[in-house]
Amino acid sequence: MTTPPPARALDDLPALDLDPFDLDVLRDPLPGQAALREAGRLVRLPRCDALAVGRYEDVRAALANWQDLESSAGVGLSNFRTEPPWRPPSLLLEADPPAHDAPRSVLARVLGPRALQRLRAGWAADAERLLGELLDGLPGGAAVEADGVIDLAAAFPLRVFPDAVGLRADGREHLLPYGDHAFNAFAATDHPLVVAGAAGMAEHAAWVGEQCQRENLAPTGFGAEIWAAADRGELTPAQAPLVVRSLLTAGVDTTVHGIGALLHALAVAPGAWEQLCADPSLVRVAFDEAVRWSSPVQAFFRTTARPVELGGVVVPAGVKVLVSFAAANRDPRRWEAPDAYDLHRDPSGHVGFGMGIHQCVGQHVARLEAESLLLALLARVRRVELAGEPVRHLNTTLRSWESLPLRLVV
């Protein structure tokens, strides 16, 4: 008779002296993510009283297991079972089936292939106009310096996405600070970035809340289609504005930072721009590889809904588990030369958009925005290079640039 091995306790798990929200870690998260991967499949983070997974296969398994690792207790450090959230929870990101099903189904249809087909030509023309504002009149061989974040990565989504939702023209400056705070708020409430963002949040949140109401949305667009779904009984009238809010929370900042990561990669990775010029069909690979390489969304938490075996240990209910997308996206167990931005790679297995039922529902919209801008750049620009030292924007959940000085050579 074989004696089963003694059960391991949480205290037997490897511990890592890492605070993922520490400002120095946010400035350079890669060493901490490497340490997380190497420490073990499941690791204790005593400094934030949580567990963590960072290896690719374990991250995928955690994201797929919504039954045991719930999102409805919050995907940040706070546990909504014991701590009130700063705003009504998202019906998509912070919900599980069955409550998650109807909002997800409606939004997946609203943002589906038909919508993208309608938007494609207009967004391509808008990207060409944006590039024209920067480059028209320059002789061949000349160069212009631009900020890749302000003039391109933020400028383009802020031109096209609010129109697609059906927002009015005034007040759109509230979108980025609102989204920035929403992602910062996944850290503890006393984190300095959360405290700083909260100072102006009442005004930003009020504007966003107003735009989610039917009467403030254009008669056509994503917002109107969400309200039409409520008219058909697919959502309740109370759910509709919260689903519109999901678009405004997660549909701008993440795309801005994804495009910023793409432009940075193309400026610093040897040969990448030339390879893309030679084969523009790689635009989608270029964006997804940038999402893998940079992971604009670094991590979310899950909460154990019941006692569950993870990494050889039975974890009791109510424990927070950090699921590091960024660590998984550079796991050498899954990716060859993971620190290289490589257009020869197939990045399609990355978890930069999450995975499973909570995988980013707007990822194809983000890809179309990136593709539109990148194709316009390829048509006008012979070379993209850094014109100065990039400056990081710190956020507890997002990896992003505050400033990305670029030289565009036509």
Protein backbone atom coordinates (compact mmCIF):
# COMPACT_ATOMS: atom_id res chain seq x y z
CA MET A 1 0.00 0.00 0.00
CA THR A 2 1.41 3.34 -1.03
CA THR A 3 1.29 6.12 1.53
CA PRO A 4 0.14 9.38 -0.03
CA PRO A 5 2.56 12.26 0.34
CA PRO A 6 1.73 14.60 3.19
CA ALA A 7 -0.33 17.59 2.16
CA ARG A 8 1.69 20.75 1.66
CA ALA A 9 0.66 23.89 3.43
CA LEU A 10 0.67 27.43 2.11
CA ASP A 11 3.70 28.14 4.27
CA ASP A 12 5.61 25.48 2.31
CA LEU A 13 5.29 27.50 -0.88
CA PRO A 14 8.28 29.56 -2.00
CA ALA A 15 8.04 33.15 -0.88
CA LEU A 16 9.18 36.12 -2.93
CA ASP A 17 10.02 39.49 -1.40
CA LEU A 18 8.27 41.35 -4.18
CA ASP A 19 5.63 44.07 -4.08
CA PRO A 20 4.32 44.22 -7.66
CA PHE A 21 2.93 47.71 -6.98
CA ASP A 22 6.15 49.20 -5.63
CA LEU A 23 7.06 52.26 -7.70
CA ASP A 24 10.56 50.95 -8.44
CA VAL A 25 9.07 47.66 -9.60
CA LEU A 26 6.62 49.51 -11.83
CA ARG A 27 9.52 51.41 -13.42
CA ASP A 28 11.26 48.14 -14.28
CA PRO A 29 9.01 45.11 -13.74
CA LEU A 30 11.01 42.59 -15.76
CA PRO A 31 13.41 41.41 -12.99
CA GLY A 32 10.52 40.80 -10.61
CA GLN A 33 8.58 38.91 -13.25
CA ALA A 34 11.61 36.72 -13.98
CA ALA A 35 12.02 36.05 -10.27
CA LEU A 36 8.34 35.11 -10.00
CA ARG A 37 8.68 32.58 -12.83
CA GLU A 38 11.79 31.02 -11.35
CA ALA A 39 10.53 30.89 -7.76
CA GLY A 40 7.93 28.24 -8.53
CA ARG A 41 4.58 27.41 -10.06
CA LEU A 42 2.73 29.04 -7.15
CA VAL A 43 4.48 31.64 -5.05
CA ARG A 44 3.66 33.56 -1.90
CA LEU A 45 3.93 37.34 -2.00
CA PRO A 46 3.91 38.20 1.72
CA ARG A 47 4.27 41.93 1.03
CA CYS A 48 0.80 42.07 -0.50
CA ASP A 49 -0.70 39.04 1.28
CA ALA A 50 -1.39 37.16 -1.95
CA LEU A 51 -0.25 34.21 -4.01
CA ALA A 52 1.00 34.55 -7.58
CA VAL A 53 1.50 32.58 -10.78
CA GLY A 54 3.85 33.68 -13.56
CA ARG A 55 4.69 30.63 -15.65
CA TYR A 56 2.89 30.45 -18.97
CA GLU A 57 1.06 27.17 -18.45
CA ASP A 58 0.00 28.09 -14.91
CA VAL A 59 -1.25 31.51 -16.00
CA ARG A 60 -3.31 29.96 -18.79
CA ALA A 61 -4.71 27.37 -16.40
CA ALA A 62 -5.64 30.06 -13.87
CA LEU A 63 -7.35 32.20 -16.51
CA ALA A 64 -9.33 29.23 -17.80
CA ASN A 65 -10.51 28.18 -14.34
CA TRP A 66 -13.19 30.79 -13.68
CA GLN A 67 -15.16 28.30 -11.61
CA ASP A 68 -12.53 28.11 -8.83
CA LEU A 69 -10.73 31.42 -9.41
CA GLU A 70 -13.43 34.02 -9.56
CA SER A 71 -13.38 37.55 -10.90
CA SER A 72 -16.52 38.75 -9.17
CA ALA A 73 -14.57 39.31 -5.94
CA GLY A 74 -12.56 41.90 -7.88
CA VAL A 75 -9.55 41.54 -10.18
CA GLY A 76 -7.41 43.82 -8.04
CA LEU A 77 -6.00 43.44 -4.58
CA SER A 78 -9.27 44.34 -2.86
CA ASN A 79 -11.74 41.57 -2.09
CA PHE A 80 -15.23 42.80 -2.92
CA ARG A 81 -16.63 40.21 -0.50
CA THR A 82 -15.19 42.17 2.38
CA GLU A 83 -14.30 45.60 0.94
CA PRO A 84 -16.63 47.88 -1.04
CA PRO A 85 -15.38 48.70 -4.56
CA TRP A 86 -14.74 52.34 -5.48
CA ARG A 87 -17.44 52.15 -8.18
CA PRO A 88 -20.09 49.59 -9.20
CA PRO A 89 -18.14 46.55 -10.48
CA SER A 90 -17.73 45.95 -14.19
CA LEU A 91 -20.33 43.55 -15.57
CA LEU A 92 -17.63 41.96 -17.73
CA LEU A 93 -14.24 42.17 -16.02
CA GLU A 94 -15.53 41.81 -12.46
CA ALA A 95 -18.33 39.29 -12.97
CA ASP A 96 -18.62 35.55 -13.47
CA PRO A 97 -21.30 33.39 -15.11
CA PRO A 98 -24.23 33.58 -15.13
CA ALA A 99 -24.16 37.36 -14.47
CA HIS A 100 -21.30 37.74 -16.93
CA ASP A 101 -23.01 35.96 -19.83
CA ALA A 102 -25.50 38.48 -21.21
CA PRO A 103 -23.25 41.56 -21.11
CA ARG A 104 -20.41 39.57 -22.70
CA SER A 105 -22.67 38.21 -25.44
CA VAL A 106 -24.06 41.65 -26.29
CA LEU A 107 -20.70 43.37 -26.35
CA ALA A 108 -19.08 40.58 -28.40
CA ARG A 109 -21.76 41.08 -31.05
CA VAL A 110 -21.57 44.89 -30.96
CA LEU A 111 -17.78 44.76 -31.45
CA GLY A 112 -17.92 41.87 -33.91
CA PRO A 113 -16.72 41.49 -37.52
CA ARG A 114 -19.63 43.43 -39.06
CA ALA A 115 -18.84 46.48 -36.95
CA LEU A 116 -15.16 46.32 -37.84
CA GLN A 117 -15.97 46.02 -41.53
CA ARG A 118 -18.09 49.18 -41.32
CA LEU A 119 -15.29 51.05 -39.57
CA ARG A 120 -12.27 49.86 -41.57
CA ALA A 121 -12.31 52.30 -44.50
CA GLY A 122 -13.14 55.32 -42.37
CA TRP A 123 -10.42 54.56 -39.83
CA ALA A 124 -7.87 54.06 -42.61
CA ALA A 125 -8.79 57.49 -44.04
CA ASP A 126 -8.62 59.05 -40.59
CA ALA A 127 -5.16 57.59 -40.01
CA GLU A 128 -4.01 59.03 -43.33
CA ARG A 129 -5.33 62.46 -42.31
CA LEU A 130 -3.52 62.24 -38.97
CA LEU A 131 -0.24 61.41 -40.73
CA GLY A 132 -0.91 64.20 -43.21
CA GLU A 133 -1.10 66.71 -40.37
CA LEU A 134 2.41 65.64 -39.32
CA LEU A 135 4.06 65.02 -42.66
CA ASP A 136 2.40 67.00 -45.47
CA GLY A 137 4.82 69.35 -47.17
CA LEU A 138 7.98 67.52 -46.12
CA PRO A 139 10.37 66.77 -49.01
CA GLY A 140 11.64 63.23 -49.48
CA GLY A 141 14.46 62.43 -47.07
CA ALA A 142 13.32 65.03 -44.56
CA ALA A 143 12.41 64.12 -41.01
CA VAL A 144 9.99 65.35 -38.40
CA GLU A 145 10.14 64.75 -34.69
CA ALA A 146 6.94 63.73 -32.96
CA ASP A 147 5.90 62.24 -29.66
CA GLY A 148 4.85 58.70 -30.40
CA VAL A 149 2.39 58.73 -27.49
CA ILE A 150 0.83 62.17 -27.76
CA ASP A 151 0.87 62.60 -31.54
CA LEU A 152 0.16 59.02 -32.61
CA ALA A 153 -0.66 56.36 -30.00
CA ALA A 154 -3.10 58.56 -28.06
CA ALA A 155 -4.15 60.88 -30.87
CA PHE A 156 -5.50 58.20 -33.17
CA PRO A 157 -7.68 56.17 -30.74
CA LEU A 158 -9.02 59.43 -29.29
CA ARG A 159 -10.07 60.48 -32.82
CA VAL A 160 -11.82 57.30 -33.87
CA PHE A 161 -12.96 55.27 -30.85
CA PRO A 162 -15.19 57.85 -29.12
CA ASP A 163 -16.89 58.47 -32.48
CA ALA A 164 -17.46 54.75 -32.87
CA VAL A 165 -19.06 54.63 -29.42
CA GLY A 166 -21.17 57.70 -30.22
CA LEU A 167 -19.75 60.16 -27.69
CA ARG A 168 -20.20 63.89 -28.03
CA ALA A 169 -17.13 65.88 -29.03
CA ASP A 170 -16.65 67.91 -25.87
CA GLY A 171 -15.24 66.45 -22.68
CA ARG A 172 -13.24 63.60 -24.20
CA GLU A 173 -10.21 64.71 -22.22
CA HIS A 174 -11.81 62.89 -19.27
CA LEU A 175 -11.37 59.48 -20.90
CA LEU A 176 -7.65 58.87 -20.35
CA PRO A 177 -7.47 59.98 -16.68
CA TYR A 178 -10.62 58.00 -15.92
CA GLY A 179 -9.20 54.83 -17.46
CA ASP A 180 -5.81 55.43 -15.86
CA HIS A 181 -7.38 55.61 -12.41
CA ALA A 182 -9.59 52.59 -13.03
CA PHE A 183 -6.48 50.49 -13.69
CA ASN A 184 -4.51 52.07 -10.84
CA ALA A 185 -7.34 51.23 -8.47
CA PHE A 186 -6.50 47.53 -8.66
CA ALA A 187 -3.80 48.30 -6.08
CA ALA A 188 -4.47 49.13 -2.43
CA THR A 189 -6.51 52.25 -1.80
CA ASP A 190 -3.59 53.98 -0.06
CA HIS A 191 -1.16 53.44 -2.95
CA PRO A 192 0.24 56.84 -3.98
CA LEU A 193 -0.93 56.47 -7.60
CA VAL A 194 -4.44 55.62 -6.42
CA VAL A 195 -4.49 58.54 -4.01
CA ALA A 196 -3.22 60.92 -6.71
CA GLY A 197 -5.78 59.73 -9.25
CA ALA A 198 -8.66 59.90 -6.81
CA ALA A 199 -8.20 63.64 -6.38
CA GLY A 200 -9.87 64.53 -9.68
CA MET A 201 -11.91 61.41 -10.14
CA ALA A 202 -15.31 62.78 -9.18
CA GLU A 203 -15.37 65.06 -12.22
CA HIS A 204 -14.01 62.41 -14.61
CA ALA A 205 -16.40 59.73 -13.33
CA ALA A 206 -19.37 62.08 -13.52
CA TRP A 207 -18.62 62.89 -17.18
CA VAL A 208 -18.15 59.21 -18.07
CA GLY A 209 -21.34 58.29 -16.24
CA GLU A 210 -23.32 60.93 -18.16
CA GLN A 211 -22.04 59.67 -21.52
CA CYS A 212 -23.28 56.18 -20.77
CA GLN A 213 -26.91 57.32 -20.70
CA ARG A 214 -28.98 56.74 -23.81
CA GLU A 215 -29.90 60.40 -24.31
CA ASN A 216 -26.25 61.46 -24.43
CA LEU A 217 -25.18 58.94 -27.07
CA ALA A 218 -25.41 59.36 -30.84
CA PRO A 219 -28.30 57.47 -32.49
CA THR A 220 -25.79 55.14 -34.15
CA GLY A 221 -22.64 53.56 -32.74
CA PHE A 222 -21.57 51.00 -30.15
CA GLY A 223 -23.40 52.83 -27.36
CA ALA A 224 -26.71 52.97 -29.22
CA GLU A 225 -26.39 49.28 -30.10
CA ILE A 226 -25.93 48.39 -26.44
CA TRP A 227 -29.08 50.30 -25.53
CA ALA A 228 -30.91 48.62 -28.44
CA ALA A 229 -29.97 45.28 -26.89
CA ALA A 230 -31.61 46.48 -23.68
CA ASP A 231 -34.74 47.37 -25.66
CA ARG A 232 -34.80 43.79 -26.96
CA GLY A 233 -34.56 42.44 -23.42
CA GLU A 234 -31.02 41.12 -23.82
CA LEU A 235 -29.84 43.44 -21.04
CA THR A 236 -31.71 45.21 -18.30
CA PRO A 237 -31.95 49.02 -18.44
CA ALA A 238 -29.69 49.09 -15.39
CA GLN A 239 -27.02 46.98 -17.14
CA ALA A 240 -26.86 49.01 -20.37
CA PRO A 241 -24.98 52.06 -19.02
CA LEU A 242 -22.51 49.82 -17.20
CA VAL A 243 -21.75 47.94 -20.41
CA VAL A 244 -21.18 51.27 -22.20
CA ARG A 245 -18.92 52.23 -19.29
CA SER A 246 -16.84 49.11 -19.90
CA LEU A 247 -16.07 50.43 -23.38
CA LEU A 248 -14.99 53.78 -22.01
CA THR A 249 -12.90 52.24 -19.22
CA ALA A 250 -11.01 49.56 -21.09
CA GLY A 251 -11.33 50.67 -24.70
CA VAL A 252 -9.03 53.67 -24.74
CA ASP A 253 -6.05 53.44 -22.36
CA THR A 254 -5.17 49.87 -23.21
CA THR A 255 -5.20 50.57 -26.95
CA VAL A 256 -3.14 53.73 -26.49
CA HIS A 257 -0.53 51.79 -24.55
CA GLY A 258 -0.61 48.89 -27.00
CA ILE A 259 0.11 51.21 -29.92
CA GLY A 260 2.76 52.98 -27.84
CA ALA A 261 4.43 49.62 -27.22
CA LEU A 262 4.27 48.88 -30.94
CA LEU A 263 5.90 52.16 -31.95
CA HIS A 264 8.61 51.75 -29.32
CA ALA A 265 9.35 48.22 -30.51
CA LEU A 266 9.59 49.29 -34.14
CA ALA A 267 11.94 52.12 -33.19
CA VAL A 268 14.35 50.01 -31.12
CA ALA A 269 14.22 46.45 -32.49
CA PRO A 270 16.98 46.08 -35.10
CA GLY A 271 15.55 45.50 -38.58
CA ALA A 272 11.91 45.38 -37.50
CA TRP A 273 10.78 48.51 -39.39
CA GLU A 274 12.61 47.42 -42.53
CA GLN A 275 11.05 43.97 -42.30
CA LEU A 276 7.61 45.49 -41.95
CA CYS A 277 8.19 47.82 -44.91
CA ALA A 278 9.19 44.83 -47.02
CA ASP A 279 6.11 42.87 -45.97
CA PRO A 280 3.21 45.05 -44.74
CA SER A 281 1.08 41.93 -44.31
CA LEU A 282 2.95 41.57 -40.99
CA VAL A 283 1.10 44.50 -39.41
CA ARG A 284 -1.08 42.26 -37.29
CA VAL A 285 1.87 40.14 -36.19
CA ALA A 286 3.72 43.36 -35.37
CA PHE A 287 0.95 44.51 -33.02
CA ASP A 288 0.42 41.16 -31.32
CA GLU A 289 4.15 40.68 -30.87
CA ALA A 290 4.27 44.13 -29.24
CA VAL A 291 1.45 43.10 -26.90
CA ARG A 292 3.35 39.92 -26.02
CA TRP A 293 6.66 41.73 -25.62
CA SER A 294 5.39 44.65 -23.56
CA SER A 295 2.12 43.38 -22.03
CA PRO A 296 0.24 46.70 -21.74
CA VAL A 297 -1.98 44.97 -19.16
CA GLN A 298 0.54 43.42 -16.79
CA ALA A 299 -1.64 41.34 -14.47
CA PHE A 300 -5.00 40.85 -12.83
CA PHE A 301 -5.94 39.10 -9.62
CA ARG A 302 -8.32 36.24 -9.13
CA THR A 303 -9.85 35.08 -5.81
CA THR A 304 -10.29 31.46 -4.79
CA ALA A 305 -14.03 30.81 -4.67
CA ARG A 306 -13.61 27.58 -2.70
CA PRO A 307 -10.73 25.39 -1.52
CA VAL A 308 -8.79 24.58 -4.69
CA GLU A 309 -5.57 22.73 -5.47
CA LEU A 310 -3.00 24.99 -7.07
CA GLY A 311 0.66 24.13 -7.50
CA GLY A 312 0.32 21.05 -5.31
CA VAL A 313 -1.25 22.95 -2.41
CA VAL A 314 -4.89 23.21 -1.35
CA VAL A 315 -5.56 26.94 -1.20
CA PRO A 316 -8.51 27.93 0.98
CA ALA A 317 -11.36 30.11 -0.25
CA GLY A 318 -10.96 33.85 -0.30
CA VAL A 319 -7.25 34.00 -1.19
CA LYS A 320 -6.06 36.55 -3.74
CA VAL A 321 -3.93 35.15 -6.59
CA LEU A 322 -1.94 37.47 -8.86
CA VAL A 323 -2.03 36.18 -12.44
CA SER A 324 0.89 37.78 -14.25
CA PHE A 325 0.21 38.10 -17.99
CA ALA A 326 3.53 39.87 -18.43
CA ALA A 327 5.58 37.12 -16.79
CA ALA A 328 3.83 34.48 -18.89
CA ASN A 329 4.41 36.43 -22.08
CA ARG A 330 8.18 36.23 -21.53
CA ASP A 331 8.33 32.73 -20.09
CA PRO A 332 11.27 30.94 -21.77
CA ARG A 333 9.42 27.66 -21.21
CA ARG A 334 6.98 28.85 -23.89
CA TRP A 335 8.87 31.42 -25.98
CA GLU A 336 12.25 31.14 -27.65
CA ALA A 337 14.35 34.25 -26.94
CA PRO A 338 11.36 35.80 -25.13
CA ASP A 339 13.02 39.18 -24.54
CA ALA A 340 13.42 39.80 -28.27
CA TYR A 341 10.79 41.61 -30.34
CA ASP A 342 10.71 39.24 -33.30
CA LEU A 343 8.46 39.54 -36.35
CA HIS A 344 9.45 36.02 -37.41
CA ARG A 345 7.65 34.71 -34.31
CA ASP A 346 4.03 33.54 -34.18
CA PRO A 347 2.83 35.45 -31.11
CA SER A 348 -0.75 34.21 -31.32
CA GLY A 349 -0.57 32.26 -28.07
CA HIS A 350 0.23 35.28 -25.93
CA VAL A 351 -1.99 36.12 -22.97
CA GLY A 352 -1.70 39.90 -23.32
CA PHE A 353 -5.45 40.07 -23.89
CA GLY A 354 -6.13 37.51 -21.18
CA MET A 355 -7.71 34.16 -21.95
CA GLY A 356 -10.93 32.27 -21.45
CA ILE A 357 -14.28 33.89 -20.73
CA HIS A 358 -12.64 37.15 -19.65
CA GLN A 359 -10.39 37.51 -22.68
CA CYS A 360 -10.53 41.10 -23.92
CA VAL A 361 -13.79 41.44 -25.86
CA GLY A 362 -12.49 44.50 -27.71
CA GLN A 363 -9.16 43.05 -28.84
CA HIS A 364 -10.14 43.05 -32.53
CA VAL A 365 -11.12 46.71 -32.31
CA ALA A 366 -7.70 47.48 -30.84
CA ARG A 367 -6.04 45.49 -33.61
CA LEU A 368 -7.95 47.44 -36.26
CA GLU A 369 -6.91 50.76 -34.71
CA ALA A 370 -3.26 49.67 -34.63
CA GLU A 371 -3.42 48.26 -38.14
CA SER A 372 -5.00 51.45 -39.54
CA LEU A 373 -2.35 53.67 -38.02
CA LEU A 374 0.54 51.39 -38.89
CA LEU A 375 -0.46 51.03 -42.54
CA ALA A 376 -0.72 54.83 -42.81
CA LEU A 377 2.77 55.13 -41.32
CA LEU A 378 4.18 52.54 -43.69
CA ALA A 379 2.74 54.44 -46.65
CA ARG A 380 4.45 57.70 -45.68
CA VAL A 381 7.48 56.95 -43.53
CA ARG A 382 10.75 55.29 -44.59
CA ARG A 383 12.26 55.02 -41.14
CA VAL A 384 11.19 55.32 -37.49
CA GLU A 385 13.84 55.92 -34.85
CA LEU A 386 14.09 57.22 -31.31
CA ALA A 387 14.74 60.96 -31.07
CA GLY A 388 15.28 61.00 -27.31
CA GLU A 389 14.92 59.00 -24.14
CA PRO A 390 11.38 57.60 -23.65
CA VAL A 391 9.71 58.32 -20.32
CA ARG A 392 7.59 55.74 -18.56
CA HIS A 393 4.10 56.50 -17.32
CA LEU A 394 3.56 54.63 -14.07
CA ASN A 395 0.36 52.71 -13.49
CA THR A 396 -0.16 49.83 -11.09
CA THR A 397 -1.63 47.57 -13.79
CA LEU A 398 -0.64 49.02 -17.16
CA ARG A 399 2.83 49.26 -18.69
CA SER A 400 2.96 52.40 -20.72
CA TRP A 401 4.89 55.40 -21.96
CA GLU A 402 4.34 58.98 -20.91
CA SER A 403 6.49 60.24 -23.75
CA LEU A 404 8.10 58.50 -26.74
CA PRO A 405 10.22 60.93 -28.79
CA LEU A 406 10.37 59.67 -32.37
CA ARG A 407 12.00 60.83 -35.59
CA LEU A 408 9.93 59.99 -38.65
CA VAL A 409 11.95 60.02 -41.87
CA VAL A 410 9.89 60.36 -45.05
